Amino acid sequence: FSGKIQEYITYDIKSELNPTICDDVKNLEAHRDVICQLDLVMADPPYDKSDFEKYGCKPFGKTQVIRDLGKIMKSGSFLVWLDTRIPMYRKDVWNLIGYIGVIVSTNHRIRCLCLYQRI
């Protein structure tokens, strides 16, 4: 779900990436004690079926992940979500701060970086 980032808490299902937390994103609530302390969560999940196949992972409910993060993350913390679709979220849990279009180069999918703040 996160890939590999230096000097940060990372969460990924692939042990070969040496994430801080190696688990399926469906199990976020099991890591509440770590996630509830974070001020910022950055998510760049596989975008569609072909991406899940490319990265060798099973599809998961993105709406459920945002719902789970809303239960775990503290008020005032931020969620940055990069995807090809704007994810569904609850307006009584998340305040949408804004969108940024991400264009890598020609003939590539346009992605949207969504920035939310936990109410």
Protein backbone atom coordinates (compact mmCIF):
# COMPACT_ATOMS: atom_id res chain seq x y z
CA PHE A 1 0.00 0.00 0.00
CA SER A 2 2.89 2.35 0.67
CA GLY A 3 5.90 0.84 -1.06
CA LYS A 4 9.24 1.86 0.45
CA ILE A 5 9.94 5.22 2.12
CA GLN A 6 13.00 6.10 4.19
CA GLU A 7 12.74 7.19 7.86
CA TYR A 8 8.96 6.91 8.07
CA ILE A 9 6.47 4.35 9.24
CA THR A 10 5.50 2.31 6.19
CA TYR A 11 2.67 -0.16 5.78
CA ASP A 12 2.79 -2.79 3.08
CA ILE A 13 1.74 -6.38 2.55
CA LYS A 14 5.04 -7.24 0.83
CA SER A 15 7.71 -8.26 3.34
CA GLU A 16 10.49 -7.87 0.73
CA LEU A 17 9.95 -4.08 0.90
CA ASN A 18 10.81 -4.20 4.62
CA PRO A 19 7.85 -2.11 5.77
CA THR A 20 7.57 -0.99 9.38
CA ILE A 21 4.21 -2.75 9.48
CA CYS A 22 3.85 -5.78 7.22
CA ASP A 23 0.17 -6.56 6.95
CA ASP A 24 -2.84 -6.42 4.68
CA VAL A 25 -4.43 -2.95 4.61
CA LYS A 26 -7.69 -4.69 5.54
CA ASN A 27 -6.19 -5.05 9.04
CA LEU A 28 -5.57 -1.35 9.76
CA GLU A 29 -7.47 -1.40 13.03
CA ALA A 30 -5.07 -4.01 14.43
CA HIS A 31 -2.38 -1.30 14.26
CA ARG A 32 -4.44 1.44 15.90
CA ASP A 33 -1.77 2.12 18.56
CA VAL A 34 0.73 3.22 15.87
CA ILE A 35 -1.63 4.86 13.37
CA CYS A 36 -3.44 6.98 15.99
CA GLN A 37 -0.17 8.80 16.73
CA LEU A 38 0.43 9.92 13.13
CA ASP A 39 -0.19 13.47 11.95
CA LEU A 40 -0.03 12.49 8.28
CA VAL A 41 -0.91 9.37 6.30
CA MET A 42 0.01 9.23 2.62
CA ALA A 43 -1.72 6.59 0.51
CA ASP A 44 -0.91 5.61 -3.06
CA PRO A 45 -2.90 2.39 -3.53
CA PRO A 46 -3.12 0.36 -6.73
CA TYR A 47 -5.58 2.25 -8.93
CA ASP A 48 -7.52 -0.47 -10.74
CA LYS A 49 -7.60 -4.20 -11.49
CA SER A 50 -4.53 -4.12 -13.76
CA ASP A 51 -2.51 -2.36 -11.03
CA PHE A 52 -3.49 -4.91 -8.41
CA GLU A 53 -2.34 -7.63 -10.83
CA LYS A 54 0.89 -5.74 -11.63
CA TYR A 55 1.77 -5.42 -7.93
CA GLY A 56 0.61 -8.95 -7.11
CA CYS A 57 -1.92 -8.02 -4.45
CA LYS A 58 -5.60 -8.66 -3.93
CA PRO A 59 -8.10 -5.82 -4.43
CA PHE A 60 -9.44 -4.15 -1.30
CA GLY A 61 -12.22 -1.70 -0.55
CA LYS A 62 -10.77 1.79 -0.70
CA THR A 63 -13.89 3.24 0.91
CA GLN A 64 -13.40 0.83 3.81
CA VAL A 65 -9.74 1.88 4.19
CA ILE A 66 -10.75 5.56 4.43
CA ARG A 67 -13.52 4.63 6.88
CA ASP A 68 -11.04 2.67 9.03
CA LEU A 69 -8.52 5.52 8.97
CA GLY A 70 -11.31 7.86 10.05
CA LYS A 71 -11.92 5.66 13.09
CA ILE A 72 -8.24 5.47 14.00
CA MET A 73 -6.62 8.80 13.12
CA LYS A 74 -6.74 11.66 15.59
CA SER A 75 -8.64 14.88 15.06
CA GLY A 76 -6.59 17.43 13.09
CA SER A 77 -4.42 14.81 11.33
CA PHE A 78 -4.16 14.67 7.54
CA LEU A 79 -4.75 12.05 4.86
CA VAL A 80 -3.21 12.43 1.40
CA TRP A 81 -4.73 9.99 -1.10
CA LEU A 82 -3.39 9.54 -4.66
CA ASP A 83 -5.67 7.71 -7.08
CA THR A 84 -7.30 7.88 -10.50
CA ARG A 85 -10.69 8.29 -8.82
CA ILE A 86 -11.71 10.56 -5.99
CA PRO A 87 -12.47 8.18 -3.13
CA MET A 88 -15.75 8.20 -1.23
CA TYR A 89 -15.51 9.62 2.28
CA ARG A 90 -17.79 10.81 5.07
CA LYS A 91 -18.07 14.58 5.35
CA ASP A 92 -18.69 14.34 9.09
CA VAL A 93 -15.32 12.55 9.51
CA TRP A 94 -13.09 14.16 6.87
CA ASN A 95 -12.80 17.78 5.75
CA LEU A 96 -11.71 17.96 2.10
CA ILE A 97 -8.99 20.59 1.87
CA GLY A 98 -8.36 20.28 -1.86
CA TYR A 99 -7.37 18.37 -4.97
CA ILE A 100 -4.20 18.49 -7.05
CA GLY A 101 -4.04 16.94 -10.52
CA VAL A 102 -0.93 14.81 -11.03
CA ILE A 103 0.30 14.37 -14.59
CA VAL A 104 3.47 12.34 -15.08
CA SER A 105 3.83 12.63 -18.85
CA THR A 106 1.90 12.21 -22.07
CA ASN A 107 -0.14 9.06 -22.62
CA HIS A 108 -0.32 8.30 -18.89
CA ARG A 109 -3.32 8.25 -16.60
CA ILE A 110 -4.09 11.48 -14.82
CA ARG A 111 -4.16 11.01 -11.08
CA CYS A 112 -5.71 13.13 -8.37
CA LEU A 113 -4.04 13.84 -5.06
CA CYS A 114 -6.79 14.46 -2.48
CA LEU A 115 -5.97 16.15 0.82
CA TYR A 116 -8.26 15.57 3.79
CA GLN A 117 -8.15 16.65 7.42
CA ARG A 118 -9.69 14.51 10.16
CA ILE A 119 -12.47 16.42 11.91
